[in-house]
């Protein structure tokens, strides 16, 4: 049984919620924020439109107010006002949540827009970096490299906020070698639901620190991250290998070969199988030069009949720019991206022959008939040499370290087109054809690839599995009235 740390045990309870519409309290909330000196976006202004825009155009929500914070005190006062007025509150950093959770995941929340808080400082003596809570991944990578040629392992999109990314996992193209982004977190400063500040680490408020690393969006607002860092090698090689699997039988052989390779893939190699509506690639990053990459990939290239179409050796920022789409790395407040899509996710251990056949059959018989711009990305997440799998399963709230494969199912339409009302069925059936013969305990889902159609009960079980009960207990201690609510977050025990 886990003991709660003193700061959590001493937190008090406060008044429960009323039945009034949140928008009936807009004037009261804005008055509170203004009197406290919290910057607020004026409704209809350019900043308001920017700060309330959603990455997923299918899921747009209207907040009661937007606090455009620039200091930790602003965050505290914004949280205090939300609590006083009885409005749910959510931190929004990059705004790239697939289900628009930074906007609350529903109408009527206070959005605490963090991305104006993005200072990064590297201590070159200790290798510890401090980053404000609104820092985006590209800015973090840029500053760590330019301040001392250091890095952490994280995802590929420069505009994604470190807040949501790190606090719920942080998988990327260095994770097989260097683990999840949350594995590099050594401390954090958090504004709790009673507007007090808590510092946490492995030794200070360790239960809160455990919960932050996997379910942080439900626990508080992180205003400062503290990361350990590593020095990347001089040579890293990113690659794309094209695959031609014209028949279902050939695809079955190929996918099975990729799965078998994942079990013992070298630690220096990071890879995913990318299955799109029009092409199939193996792609990833190798810690070393082209010759080392070719040697590491040789067994799989032979079994899959793949062709190395691209190999490029460079430094850390070269691969950051490549996987980030070739644009500006150093992103801050004002960065915008939009897509129109439905997504879902899956973790599994090695699939049986029957499950592999079911996956490939659906791909060839149903998915190929869908002319929308869909893809399935299968990351080689675990295996004997994976840094994700190396820590103990309960070392953090991230609940899926023991899974071999992580899947993103993504189905999009053009920005000006309405996503079809029944479009989700296509990807739901893709997943269902894999899991139909599995026990519920044999698969999971990734909160950073949220399925917007899940209800709260299924979300909690799928995203946090065996860690759910402990997370609900910590949630009850730090946020008993669920101030930091969103439709798929942790509920208090």
Protein backbone atom coordinates (compact mmCIF):
# COMPACT_ATOMS: atom_id res chain seq x y z
CA UNK A 1 0.00 0.00 0.00
CA UNK A 2 1.36 3.45 -0.90
CA UNK A 3 1.46 6.18 1.75
CA UNK A 4 0.44 9.70 0.72
CA UNK A 5 3.06 12.39 1.32
CA UNK A 6 2.38 15.10 3.95
CA UNK A 7 1.53 17.91 1.55
CA UNK A 8 -1.15 15.76 -0.04
CA UNK A 9 -2.50 14.43 3.25
CA UNK A 10 -2.94 17.97 4.61
CA UNK A 11 -4.86 19.42 1.69
CA UNK A 12 -8.40 20.37 2.62
CA UNK A 13 -11.75 19.93 0.95
CA UNK A 14 -13.88 22.74 -0.41
CA UNK A 15 -17.42 23.40 -1.54
CA UNK A 16 -19.00 21.05 -4.05
CA UNK A 17 -20.35 22.06 -7.44
CA UNK A 18 -23.64 23.76 -8.17
CA UNK A 19 -26.05 23.17 -11.05
CA UNK A 20 -25.68 26.57 -12.74
CA UNK A 21 -24.40 26.74 -16.28
CA UNK A 22 -20.69 27.64 -16.35
CA UNK A 23 -21.44 30.46 -18.78
CA UNK A 24 -23.78 32.05 -16.22
CA UNK A 25 -20.64 32.63 -14.16
CA UNK A 26 -18.57 34.25 -16.93
CA UNK A 27 -18.83 37.80 -15.55
CA UNK A 28 -18.00 36.66 -12.03
CA UNK A 29 -15.03 34.62 -13.24
CA UNK A 30 -13.65 37.42 -15.39
CA UNK A 31 -14.07 39.91 -12.53
CA UNK A 32 -12.14 37.59 -10.23
CA UNK A 33 -9.33 37.13 -12.75
CA UNK A 34 -9.12 40.87 -13.45
CA UNK A 35 -9.02 41.82 -9.76
CA UNK A 36 -6.25 39.25 -9.22
CA UNK A 37 -4.21 40.76 -12.04
CA UNK A 38 -4.41 37.68 -14.28
CA UNK A 39 -4.18 38.57 -18.00
CA UNK A 40 -7.34 37.51 -19.82
CA UNK A 41 -7.94 37.18 -23.55
CA UNK A 42 -10.69 39.52 -24.70
CA UNK A 43 -13.45 37.51 -26.37
CA UNK A 44 -13.20 37.81 -30.16
CA UNK A 45 -9.68 39.27 -30.11
CA UNK A 46 -6.86 37.76 -32.22
CA UNK A 47 -5.28 36.27 -29.07
CA UNK A 48 -8.61 34.76 -28.03
CA UNK A 49 -9.14 33.21 -31.45
CA UNK A 50 -5.59 31.82 -31.42
CA UNK A 51 -5.75 30.51 -27.86
CA UNK A 52 -9.12 28.80 -28.36
CA UNK A 53 -8.32 27.24 -31.73
CA UNK A 54 -8.21 23.45 -31.71
CA UNK A 55 -5.70 21.22 -33.46
CA UNK A 56 -8.50 18.77 -34.29
CA UNK A 57 -11.06 20.78 -36.24
CA UNK A 58 -13.63 18.07 -35.55
CA UNK A 59 -13.60 18.97 -31.83
CA UNK A 60 -14.09 22.69 -31.10
CA UNK A 61 -15.07 23.87 -27.61
CA UNK A 62 -15.92 27.25 -26.09
CA UNK A 63 -14.36 28.18 -22.74
CA UNK A 64 -15.88 30.51 -20.19
CA UNK A 65 -12.61 32.46 -20.13
CA UNK A 66 -8.97 32.21 -21.21
CA UNK A 67 -6.26 33.15 -18.71
CA UNK A 68 -3.20 34.21 -20.71
CA UNK A 69 -0.74 33.53 -17.89
CA UNK A 70 2.93 34.56 -17.85
CA UNK A 71 3.89 33.73 -14.24
CA UNK A 72 3.33 31.04 -11.64
CA UNK A 73 1.42 33.59 -9.56
CA UNK A 74 -0.94 34.11 -12.50
CA UNK A 75 -1.55 30.35 -12.58
CA UNK A 76 -2.23 30.25 -8.84
CA UNK A 77 -4.67 33.14 -9.04
CA UNK A 78 -6.43 31.64 -12.08
CA UNK A 79 -6.86 28.34 -10.25
CA UNK A 80 -8.09 30.16 -7.14
CA UNK A 81 -10.70 32.00 -9.22
CA UNK A 82 -11.87 28.80 -10.91
CA UNK A 83 -12.23 27.20 -7.51
CA UNK A 84 -14.04 30.22 -6.02
CA UNK A 85 -16.51 30.48 -8.92
CA UNK A 86 -16.81 26.68 -9.27
CA UNK A 87 -15.59 26.38 -12.86
CA UNK A 88 -13.50 23.46 -14.15
CA UNK A 89 -10.00 24.47 -15.24
CA UNK A 90 -7.44 23.01 -17.66
CA UNK A 91 -3.92 23.89 -18.66
CA UNK A 92 -3.33 24.31 -22.40
CA UNK A 93 0.23 24.43 -23.71
CA UNK A 94 0.75 23.47 -27.35
CA UNK A 95 -2.93 22.85 -27.93
CA UNK A 96 -2.28 19.67 -29.91
CA UNK A 97 -4.48 17.32 -27.90
CA UNK A 98 -6.23 15.05 -30.40
CA UNK A 99 -9.39 15.36 -28.29
CA UNK A 100 -9.01 19.08 -27.44
CA UNK A 101 -8.45 18.39 -23.75
CA UNK A 102 -6.51 21.65 -23.38
CA UNK A 103 -9.82 23.39 -24.09
CA UNK A 104 -11.51 21.18 -21.51
CA UNK A 105 -12.75 18.50 -23.90
CA UNK A 106 -16.16 20.13 -23.56
CA UNK A 107 -17.67 23.61 -23.36
CA UNK A 108 -17.62 25.75 -20.25
CA UNK A 109 -14.13 25.51 -18.72
CA UNK A 110 -11.46 28.03 -17.75
CA UNK A 111 -8.52 27.57 -20.11
CA UNK A 112 -5.15 28.39 -18.54
CA UNK A 113 -3.11 29.14 -21.65
CA UNK A 114 0.50 28.32 -20.75
CA UNK A 115 2.48 28.83 -23.94
CA UNK A 116 3.65 32.35 -23.04
CA UNK A 117 5.67 30.70 -20.24
CA UNK A 118 8.49 29.04 -22.17
CA UNK A 119 11.87 29.93 -20.67
CA UNK A 120 14.45 27.12 -20.76
CA UNK A 121 17.72 27.20 -18.78
CA UNK A 122 20.38 24.49 -18.88
CA UNK A 123 22.86 24.09 -16.02
CA UNK A 124 25.94 22.85 -17.82
CA UNK A 125 27.55 21.76 -14.55
CA UNK A 126 24.77 19.37 -13.50
CA UNK A 127 23.16 18.73 -16.89
CA UNK A 128 19.78 19.64 -15.37
CA UNK A 129 17.45 21.76 -17.49
CA UNK A 130 14.56 23.81 -16.14
CA UNK A 131 11.73 24.56 -18.54
CA UNK A 132 8.63 26.61 -17.86
CA UNK A 133 5.32 24.80 -18.17
CA UNK A 134 4.34 26.31 -21.51
CA UNK A 135 7.49 25.25 -23.37
CA UNK A 136 6.97 23.54 -26.71
CA UNK A 137 9.09 20.55 -27.75
CA UNK A 138 10.86 22.36 -30.58
CA UNK A 139 11.85 25.26 -28.34
CA UNK A 140 13.04 22.83 -25.67
CA UNK A 141 15.20 20.93 -28.17
CA UNK A 142 16.55 24.17 -29.66
CA UNK A 143 17.52 25.66 -26.32
CA UNK A 144 19.09 22.49 -24.87
CA UNK A 145 21.20 22.07 -27.99
CA UNK A 146 22.28 25.69 -28.24
CA UNK A 147 22.96 26.10 -24.54
CA UNK A 148 25.08 22.96 -24.18
CA UNK A 149 24.56 20.33 -26.93
CA UNK A 150 22.20 18.40 -24.64
CA UNK A 151 18.84 16.70 -25.20
CA UNK A 152 16.04 14.64 -23.72
CA UNK A 153 14.03 11.94 -25.48
CA UNK A 154 10.70 13.28 -26.75
CA UNK A 155 8.25 13.32 -29.66
CA UNK A 156 8.69 14.71 -33.13
CA UNK A 157 6.34 17.69 -33.57
CA UNK A 158 8.04 21.02 -32.66
CA UNK A 159 4.75 22.76 -31.88
CA UNK A 160 3.54 20.19 -29.34
CA UNK A 161 3.54 21.42 -25.75
CA UNK A 162 5.89 19.72 -23.33
CA UNK A 163 3.12 19.83 -20.72
CA UNK A 164 0.67 17.36 -22.20
CA UNK A 165 3.40 15.38 -23.94
CA UNK A 166 5.67 14.77 -20.95
CA UNK A 167 2.95 14.36 -18.34
CA UNK A 168 1.28 11.48 -20.19
CA UNK A 169 4.20 9.57 -21.67
CA UNK A 170 6.16 11.31 -24.38
CA UNK A 171 6.99 8.58 -26.90
CA UNK A 172 9.19 9.51 -29.85
CA UNK A 173 11.87 8.37 -32.29
CA UNK A 174 14.51 8.17 -29.56
CA UNK A 175 12.39 6.26 -27.05
CA UNK A 176 13.71 2.77 -27.82
CA UNK A 177 17.22 4.07 -27.09
CA UNK A 178 16.51 6.66 -24.37
CA UNK A 179 13.02 6.02 -23.00
CA UNK A 180 9.98 8.26 -22.70
CA UNK A 181 10.08 12.01 -22.15
CA UNK A 182 8.68 11.45 -18.66
CA UNK A 183 11.67 9.23 -17.86
CA UNK A 184 13.88 12.35 -18.07
CA UNK A 185 11.77 14.32 -15.61
CA UNK A 186 13.50 14.63 -12.21
CA UNK A 187 11.33 17.30 -10.62
CA UNK A 188 8.40 19.63 -11.15
CA UNK A 189 6.67 22.64 -9.62
CA UNK A 190 2.90 22.18 -9.58
CA UNK A 191 -0.02 24.45 -8.79
CA UNK A 192 -2.57 22.29 -7.01
CA UNK A 193 -6.35 22.65 -6.97
CA UNK A 194 -6.29 24.69 -3.74
CA UNK A 195 -3.94 27.17 -5.52
CA UNK A 196 -0.91 26.23 -3.43
CA UNK A 197 2.46 25.26 -4.92
CA UNK A 198 4.02 21.83 -4.52
CA UNK A 199 7.52 20.86 -5.56
CA UNK A 200 7.89 17.17 -6.27
CA UNK A 201 10.57 14.66 -7.16
CA UNK A 202 11.52 11.10 -6.21
CA UNK A 203 12.19 12.33 -2.65
CA UNK A 204 9.80 15.30 -2.29
CA UNK A 205 6.08 14.52 -2.54
CA UNK A 206 6.99 11.30 -4.38
CA UNK A 207 3.40 10.07 -4.75
CA UNK A 208 2.43 13.25 -6.61
CA UNK A 209 5.60 12.95 -8.72
CA UNK A 210 4.66 9.35 -9.55
CA UNK A 211 1.16 10.43 -10.65
CA UNK A 212 2.43 13.35 -12.73
CA UNK A 213 4.49 10.97 -14.88
CA UNK A 214 1.59 9.45 -16.77
CA UNK A 215 -1.54 11.25 -15.57
CA UNK A 216 -0.35 14.78 -14.84
CA UNK A 217 -3.19 16.64 -16.54
CA UNK A 218 -5.58 15.38 -13.85
CA UNK A 219 -3.40 16.39 -10.89
CA UNK A 220 -2.49 20.05 -11.30
CA UNK A 221 -0.81 22.67 -13.48
CA UNK A 222 2.94 22.21 -13.88
CA UNK A 223 4.64 25.61 -14.08
CA UNK A 224 8.22 24.28 -14.19
CA UNK A 225 9.77 21.02 -15.35
CA UNK A 226 13.24 19.88 -14.29
CA UNK A 227 14.89 17.40 -16.65
CA UNK A 228 18.07 15.44 -16.58
CA UNK A 229 19.66 15.53 -20.05
CA UNK A 230 22.06 13.53 -22.22
CA UNK A 231 24.62 14.46 -24.86
CA UNK A 232 23.59 13.01 -28.24
CA UNK A 233 26.28 11.38 -30.39
CA UNK A 234 27.75 13.38 -33.25
CA UNK A 235 26.21 11.04 -35.81
CA UNK A 236 22.55 10.06 -35.95
CA UNK A 237 21.03 8.58 -39.09
CA UNK A 238 17.39 8.92 -39.98
CA UNK A 239 15.96 6.64 -42.63
CA UNK A 240 12.99 5.57 -44.70
CA UNK A 241 12.74 2.09 -46.18
CA UNK A 242 9.93 1.57 -48.67
CA UNK A 243 8.06 -1.72 -48.68
CA UNK A 244 6.11 -3.36 -51.49
CA UNK A 245 3.55 -5.85 -50.18
CA UNK A 246 1.06 -6.18 -53.06
CA UNK A 247 -0.86 -9.14 -51.64
CA UNK A 248 -2.42 -10.01 -48.32
CA UNK A 249 -0.17 -13.08 -48.03
CA UNK A 250 2.97 -11.01 -48.59
CA UNK A 251 1.83 -8.36 -46.09
CA UNK A 252 1.20 -11.05 -43.47
CA UNK A 253 4.77 -12.33 -43.85
CA UNK A 254 6.09 -8.78 -43.69
CA UNK A 255 4.17 -7.65 -40.59
CA UNK A 256 5.12 -10.86 -38.80
CA UNK A 257 8.79 -10.24 -39.63
CA UNK A 258 8.57 -6.70 -38.24
CA UNK A 259 7.00 -8.00 -35.04
CA UNK A 260 9.70 -10.65 -34.61
CA UNK A 261 12.40 -8.04 -35.24
CA UNK A 262 10.90 -5.81 -32.54
CA UNK A 263 11.54 -8.46 -29.87
CA UNK A 264 15.34 -8.14 -30.15
CA UNK A 265 15.84 -4.90 -32.10
CA UNK A 266 19.19 -3.25 -31.20
CA UNK A 267 18.95 -0.55 -28.55
CA UNK A 268 20.47 2.01 -30.94
CA UNK A 269 17.63 1.58 -33.43
CA UNK A 270 14.24 3.32 -33.22
CA UNK A 271 11.61 2.36 -35.78
CA UNK A 272 7.97 2.24 -36.76
CA UNK A 273 5.95 0.57 -39.48
CA UNK A 274 3.89 3.21 -41.26
CA UNK A 275 0.93 1.84 -43.22
CA UNK A 276 -0.85 4.54 -45.23
CA UNK A 277 -3.67 4.35 -47.72
CA UNK A 278 -1.19 4.68 -50.60
CA UNK A 279 2.18 3.38 -49.35
CA UNK A 280 4.04 1.39 -46.68
CA UNK A 281 7.31 2.46 -45.03
CA UNK A 282 9.68 1.43 -42.31
CA UNK A 283 11.08 4.65 -40.85
CA UNK A 284 13.08 5.76 -37.87
CA UNK A 285 16.32 6.91 -36.30
CA UNK A 286 19.61 5.10 -35.67
CA UNK A 287 22.17 6.21 -33.10
CA UNK A 288 25.21 5.88 -35.34
CA UNK A 289 26.30 6.19 -38.96
CA UNK A 290 24.87 4.79 -42.18
CA UNK A 291 27.05 1.67 -42.11
CA UNK A 292 25.85 0.83 -38.61
CA UNK A 293 22.24 1.38 -39.67
CA UNK A 294 22.59 -0.91 -42.66
CA UNK A 295 24.08 -3.65 -40.50
CA UNK A 296 21.32 -3.31 -37.90
CA UNK A 297 18.54 -3.37 -40.50
CA UNK A 298 19.98 -6.09 -42.74
CA UNK A 299 18.02 -9.03 -41.28
CA UNK A 300 14.71 -7.16 -41.51
CA UNK A 301 15.41 -5.73 -44.97
CA UNK A 302 15.93 -9.26 -46.24
CA UNK A 303 12.75 -10.67 -44.67
CA UNK A 304 10.51 -7.77 -45.71
CA UNK A 305 12.03 -7.11 -49.14
CA UNK A 306 12.34 -3.44 -48.18
CA UNK A 307 14.46 -0.86 -50.00
CA UNK A 308 16.34 1.88 -48.17
CA UNK A 309 14.97 4.91 -49.97
CA UNK A 310 16.48 7.56 -47.68
CA UNK A 311 19.39 7.64 -45.24
CA UNK A 312 20.81 10.87 -43.89
CA UNK A 313 23.44 11.25 -41.17
CA UNK A 314 23.57 14.46 -39.15
CA UNK A 315 23.45 15.91 -35.66
CA UNK A 316 20.61 16.12 -33.15
CA UNK A 317 18.93 19.16 -34.68
CA UNK A 318 19.11 17.64 -38.17
CA UNK A 319 16.88 14.74 -37.14
CA UNK A 320 14.62 17.06 -35.10
CA UNK A 321 14.04 19.13 -38.23
CA UNK A 322 13.49 16.04 -40.42
CA UNK A 323 10.88 14.42 -38.18
CA UNK A 324 9.31 17.81 -37.49
CA UNK A 325 8.44 18.20 -41.15
CA UNK A 326 11.34 20.41 -42.17
CA UNK A 327 9.95 23.66 -40.75
CA UNK A 328 11.02 25.95 -37.95
CA UNK A 329 12.14 24.04 -34.86
CA UNK A 330 12.00 26.91 -32.36
CA UNK A 331 8.25 27.24 -31.84
CA UNK A 332 6.55 29.36 -29.19
CA UNK A 333 3.26 31.11 -28.55
CA UNK A 334 1.49 31.86 -31.80
CA UNK A 335 2.26 28.56 -33.51
CA UNK A 336 -0.84 27.01 -35.09
CA UNK A 337 -1.60 23.66 -36.71
CA UNK A 338 -4.95 22.17 -37.66
CA UNK A 339 -6.20 18.85 -38.99
CA UNK A 340 -9.65 17.29 -39.28
CA UNK A 341 -9.65 13.68 -38.08
CA UNK A 342 -10.68 10.85 -35.81
CA UNK A 343 -8.01 8.84 -34.05
CA UNK A 344 -7.68 5.94 -31.67
CA UNK A 345 -4.81 3.86 -30.31
CA UNK A 346 -3.74 0.46 -29.06
CA UNK A 347 -0.94 -1.31 -27.22
CA UNK A 348 -0.40 -5.05 -27.60
CA UNK A 349 2.17 -7.67 -26.88
CA UNK A 350 3.23 -9.88 -29.81
CA UNK A 351 0.18 -10.80 -31.87
CA UNK A 352 -0.70 -14.42 -32.46
CA UNK A 353 -0.82 -15.74 -36.02
CA UNK A 354 -4.61 -15.51 -35.84
CA UNK A 355 -4.51 -11.88 -34.70
CA UNK A 356 -1.96 -10.95 -37.36
CA UNK A 357 -4.14 -12.53 -40.00
CA UNK A 358 -7.18 -10.63 -38.75
CA UNK A 359 -5.29 -7.33 -38.84
CA UNK A 360 -3.96 -7.87 -42.37
CA UNK A 361 -7.28 -9.15 -43.69
CA UNK A 362 -9.11 -6.03 -42.48
CA UNK A 363 -6.37 -3.87 -43.99
CA UNK A 364 -6.67 -5.45 -47.43
CA UNK A 365 -10.39 -6.19 -47.55
CA UNK A 366 -11.86 -3.10 -45.83
CA UNK A 367 -9.25 -0.39 -45.25
CA UNK A 368 -8.04 -0.26 -48.84
CA UNK A 369 -11.57 0.64 -49.91
CA UNK A 370 -11.50 3.79 -47.73
CA UNK A 371 -10.32 6.65 -49.94
CA UNK A 372 -9.81 9.09 -47.05
CA UNK A 373 -6.30 10.01 -45.92
CA UNK A 374 -5.82 7.36 -43.25
CA UNK A 375 -2.80 5.65 -41.74
CA UNK A 376 -1.80 3.15 -39.07
CA UNK A 377 1.50 3.83 -37.33
CA UNK A 378 2.97 0.87 -35.43
CA UNK A 379 5.84 1.86 -33.15
CA UNK A 380 8.27 -0.83 -32.01
CA UNK A 381 7.74 0.24 -28.42
CA UNK A 382 9.10 -2.61 -26.30
CA UNK A 383 11.31 -5.65 -26.62
CA UNK A 384 14.41 -6.96 -24.89
CA UNK A 385 16.53 -3.87 -25.60
CA UNK A 386 13.91 -1.14 -25.22
CA UNK A 387 14.61 1.70 -22.79
CA UNK A 388 10.84 2.10 -22.40
CA UNK A 389 10.52 -1.44 -21.06
CA UNK A 390 13.62 -1.28 -18.83
CA UNK A 391 12.14 0.53 -15.77
CA UNK A 392 9.82 -1.33 -13.43
CA UNK A 393 6.21 -1.45 -14.64
CA UNK A 394 5.02 0.62 -11.65
CA UNK A 395 7.95 3.07 -11.56
CA UNK A 396 5.69 5.80 -12.97
CA UNK A 397 1.98 6.18 -13.69
CA UNK A 398 2.63 5.33 -17.34
CA UNK A 399 0.98 1.91 -17.38
CA UNK A 400 2.12 0.26 -20.61
CA UNK A 401 5.86 -0.42 -20.40
CA UNK A 402 5.48 -4.15 -20.99
CA UNK A 403 3.80 -3.87 -24.40
CA UNK A 404 5.78 -4.65 -27.53
CA UNK A 405 3.78 -2.58 -30.04
CA UNK A 406 2.07 0.81 -29.88
CA UNK A 407 -0.43 1.69 -32.63
CA UNK A 408 -1.89 5.01 -33.76
CA UNK A 409 -4.97 4.74 -35.99
CA UNK A 410 -5.60 8.06 -37.74
CA UNK A 411 -8.30 8.92 -40.28
CA UNK A 412 -8.50 12.46 -41.67
CA UNK A 413 -10.30 14.57 -44.24
CA UNK A 414 -9.49 17.96 -45.76
CA UNK A 415 -9.84 20.94 -43.43
CA UNK A 416 -12.86 22.34 -45.25
CA UNK A 417 -14.72 19.02 -45.31
CA UNK A 418 -17.04 17.67 -42.63
CA UNK A 419 -15.75 14.44 -41.15
CA UNK A 420 -18.42 11.77 -41.80
CA UNK A 421 -20.71 11.05 -38.89
CA UNK A 422 -19.97 7.32 -39.08
CA UNK A 423 -16.30 7.68 -40.04
CA UNK A 424 -15.09 6.47 -36.65
CA UNK A 425 -16.46 2.98 -37.32
CA UNK A 426 -13.68 2.38 -39.84
CA UNK A 427 -10.87 2.72 -37.29
CA UNK A 428 -12.84 1.20 -34.43
CA UNK A 429 -13.24 -1.96 -36.50
CA UNK A 430 -9.53 -1.90 -37.38
CA UNK A 431 -8.78 -2.08 -33.65
CA UNK A 432 -11.60 -4.53 -32.96
CA UNK A 433 -10.25 -7.01 -35.50
CA UNK A 434 -7.04 -7.20 -33.47
CA UNK A 435 -8.50 -7.29 -29.96
CA UNK A 436 -11.57 -9.48 -30.52
CA UNK A 437 -9.78 -12.62 -29.32
CA UNK A 438 -7.88 -10.91 -26.47
CA UNK A 439 -8.76 -10.59 -22.81
CA UNK A 440 -9.38 -6.97 -21.83
CA UNK A 441 -6.27 -7.07 -19.63
CA UNK A 442 -4.10 -7.97 -22.66
CA UNK A 443 -4.25 -4.58 -24.39
CA UNK A 444 -4.27 -0.88 -23.57
CA UNK A 445 -4.53 2.60 -25.12
CA UNK A 446 -2.33 5.72 -25.09
CA UNK A 447 -3.74 8.90 -23.53
CA UNK A 448 -1.61 11.06 -25.84
CA UNK A 449 -3.44 9.43 -28.78
CA UNK A 450 -6.88 9.75 -27.19
CA UNK A 451 -10.03 8.27 -28.64
CA UNK A 452 -12.59 11.04 -28.23
CA UNK A 453 -15.48 8.57 -28.28
CA UNK A 454 -14.53 6.72 -25.09
CA UNK A 455 -16.53 7.35 -21.95
CA UNK A 456 -14.81 8.19 -18.66
CA UNK A 457 -14.94 4.67 -17.24
CA UNK A 458 -13.43 2.97 -20.28
CA UNK A 459 -10.90 5.77 -20.73
CA UNK A 460 -9.54 5.38 -17.23
CA UNK A 461 -9.27 1.61 -17.56
CA UNK A 462 -7.72 1.67 -21.04
CA UNK A 463 -5.22 4.47 -20.41
CA UNK A 464 -4.05 3.59 -16.91
CA UNK A 465 -4.83 -0.10 -16.39
CA UNK A 466 -3.50 -1.52 -13.13
CA UNK A 467 -2.38 1.93 -11.95
CA UNK A 468 -5.90 3.35 -11.88
CA UNK A 469 -6.75 2.71 -8.22
CA UNK A 470 -3.58 4.39 -6.96
CA UNK A 471 -4.12 7.33 -9.30
CA UNK A 472 -7.71 7.76 -8.11
CA UNK A 473 -6.50 7.83 -4.50
CA UNK A 474 -3.90 10.51 -5.27
CA UNK A 475 -6.48 12.46 -7.26
CA UNK A 476 -8.81 12.41 -4.25
CA UNK A 477 -6.02 13.78 -2.05
CA UNK A 478 -4.90 16.62 -4.33
CA UNK A 479 -8.12 17.46 -6.23
CA UNK A 480 -11.11 15.96 -4.40
CA UNK A 481 -13.67 18.07 -6.26
CA UNK A 482 -12.13 17.33 -9.66
CA UNK A 483 -11.34 20.95 -10.47
CA UNK A 484 -8.93 19.80 -13.19
CA UNK A 485 -11.61 17.78 -14.92
CA UNK A 486 -11.73 16.62 -18.51
CA UNK A 487 -13.97 13.92 -19.96
CA UNK A 488 -11.32 11.18 -19.97
CA UNK A 489 -9.21 12.17 -16.96
CA UNK A 490 -8.71 10.52 -13.59
CA UNK A 491 -11.70 10.81 -11.26
CA UNK A 492 -11.26 10.98 -7.46
CA UNK A 493 -11.65 7.68 -5.65
